[in-house]
Protein backbone atom coordinates (compact mmCIF):
# COMPACT_ATOMS: atom_id res chain seq x y z
CA UNK A 1 5.87 39.93 -28.77
CA UNK A 2 7.52 43.33 -28.39
CA UNK A 3 10.92 43.85 -30.03
CA UNK A 4 13.75 44.52 -27.53
CA UNK A 5 17.47 45.33 -27.96
CA UNK A 6 18.31 41.87 -26.56
CA UNK A 7 17.02 38.75 -28.25
CA UNK A 8 16.97 35.54 -26.24
CA UNK A 9 16.50 31.81 -26.41
CA UNK A 10 16.07 29.16 -23.75
CA UNK A 11 17.84 25.82 -24.12
CA UNK A 12 19.71 23.21 -22.07
CA UNK A 13 22.39 25.81 -21.27
CA UNK A 14 19.78 28.09 -19.70
CA UNK A 15 18.90 31.59 -20.88
CA UNK A 16 21.05 32.99 -23.70
CA UNK A 17 20.82 36.67 -24.63
CA UNK A 18 22.38 38.53 -27.55
CA UNK A 19 22.43 42.25 -28.33
CA UNK A 20 22.46 42.85 -32.08
CA UNK A 21 23.52 46.48 -31.62
CA UNK A 22 26.47 46.00 -29.27
CA UNK A 23 27.40 42.38 -30.06
CA UNK A 24 27.19 41.36 -26.40
CA UNK A 25 26.43 37.81 -25.30
CA UNK A 26 25.11 36.77 -21.89
CA UNK A 27 24.19 33.34 -20.55
CA UNK A 28 22.35 32.76 -17.28
CA UNK A 29 22.43 29.08 -16.33
CA UNK A 30 20.79 27.57 -13.24
CA UNK A 31 23.27 25.06 -11.78
CA UNK A 32 21.40 24.23 -8.55
CA UNK A 33 18.28 25.67 -7.00
CA UNK A 34 20.52 28.15 -5.14
CA UNK A 35 23.35 28.69 -7.70
CA UNK A 36 23.17 30.61 -10.99
CA UNK A 37 26.12 30.74 -13.41
CA UNK A 38 26.38 33.97 -15.44
CA UNK A 39 28.76 34.49 -18.34
CA UNK A 40 29.27 37.66 -20.41
CA UNK A 41 31.33 38.04 -23.56
CA UNK A 42 31.78 40.17 -26.65
CA UNK A 43 32.21 36.89 -28.57
CA UNK A 44 29.81 33.99 -28.85
CA UNK A 45 29.92 31.87 -25.70
CA UNK A 46 30.90 28.27 -26.38
CA UNK A 47 30.76 25.33 -23.99
CA UNK A 48 34.27 24.02 -23.38
CA UNK A 49 35.37 21.26 -21.03
CA UNK A 50 36.77 22.38 -17.70
CA UNK A 51 40.31 21.31 -16.90
CA UNK A 52 39.95 22.46 -13.28
CA UNK A 53 36.83 20.53 -12.30
CA UNK A 54 36.62 16.75 -12.44
CA UNK A 55 33.08 15.96 -13.55
CA UNK A 56 33.45 12.15 -13.43
CA UNK A 57 30.66 10.76 -11.32
CA UNK A 58 29.14 14.22 -10.88
CA UNK A 59 25.47 14.50 -11.69
CA UNK A 60 23.68 17.80 -11.83
CA UNK A 61 20.94 17.67 -9.20
CA UNK A 62 17.43 17.56 -10.59
CA UNK A 63 15.52 20.77 -10.08
CA UNK A 64 12.57 22.57 -11.50
CA UNK A 65 13.38 25.73 -13.42
CA UNK A 66 10.73 28.05 -14.82
CA UNK A 67 11.31 30.80 -17.38
CA UNK A 68 8.74 33.59 -17.85
CA UNK A 69 8.76 36.64 -20.09
CA UNK A 70 7.13 39.62 -18.37
CA UNK A 71 7.01 43.05 -19.98
CA UNK A 72 10.65 43.76 -20.89
CA UNK A 73 12.37 41.09 -18.79
CA UNK A 74 12.77 37.33 -18.44
CA UNK A 75 12.38 35.73 -15.01
CA UNK A 76 14.23 32.57 -14.04
CA UNK A 77 12.67 30.82 -11.05
CA UNK A 78 13.93 27.90 -8.97
CA UNK A 79 12.67 26.76 -5.58
CA UNK A 80 15.12 29.15 -3.87
CA UNK A 81 15.92 31.90 -6.39
CA UNK A 82 14.22 34.44 -8.60
CA UNK A 83 16.47 36.10 -11.18
CA UNK A 84 15.25 38.86 -13.50
CA UNK A 85 17.16 39.74 -16.68
CA UNK A 86 16.25 42.90 -18.58
CA UNK A 87 15.72 42.62 -22.32
CA UNK A 88 16.41 46.35 -22.56
CA UNK A 89 20.01 46.41 -21.27
CA UNK A 90 20.84 42.81 -20.23
CA UNK A 91 21.08 43.65 -16.52
């Protein structure tokens, strides 16, 4: 695997990227097959409970999500979306 400025891991939160050089964090999280949540920070991104959204009784819809590394990017695919994230600059 080629070394890129952004390292990444895939977990239950989705795709997490980190730039060692600039200290930037980015998460790309599929929420539904047509909604992607993106978060950027100069500090590590932590999951915190939302005080604005009542999640009682809310279930995340089941969906198939595929992650693929191609050249210098990671693709996130759902039935309705294709998102590409560059491992060079995080865009």
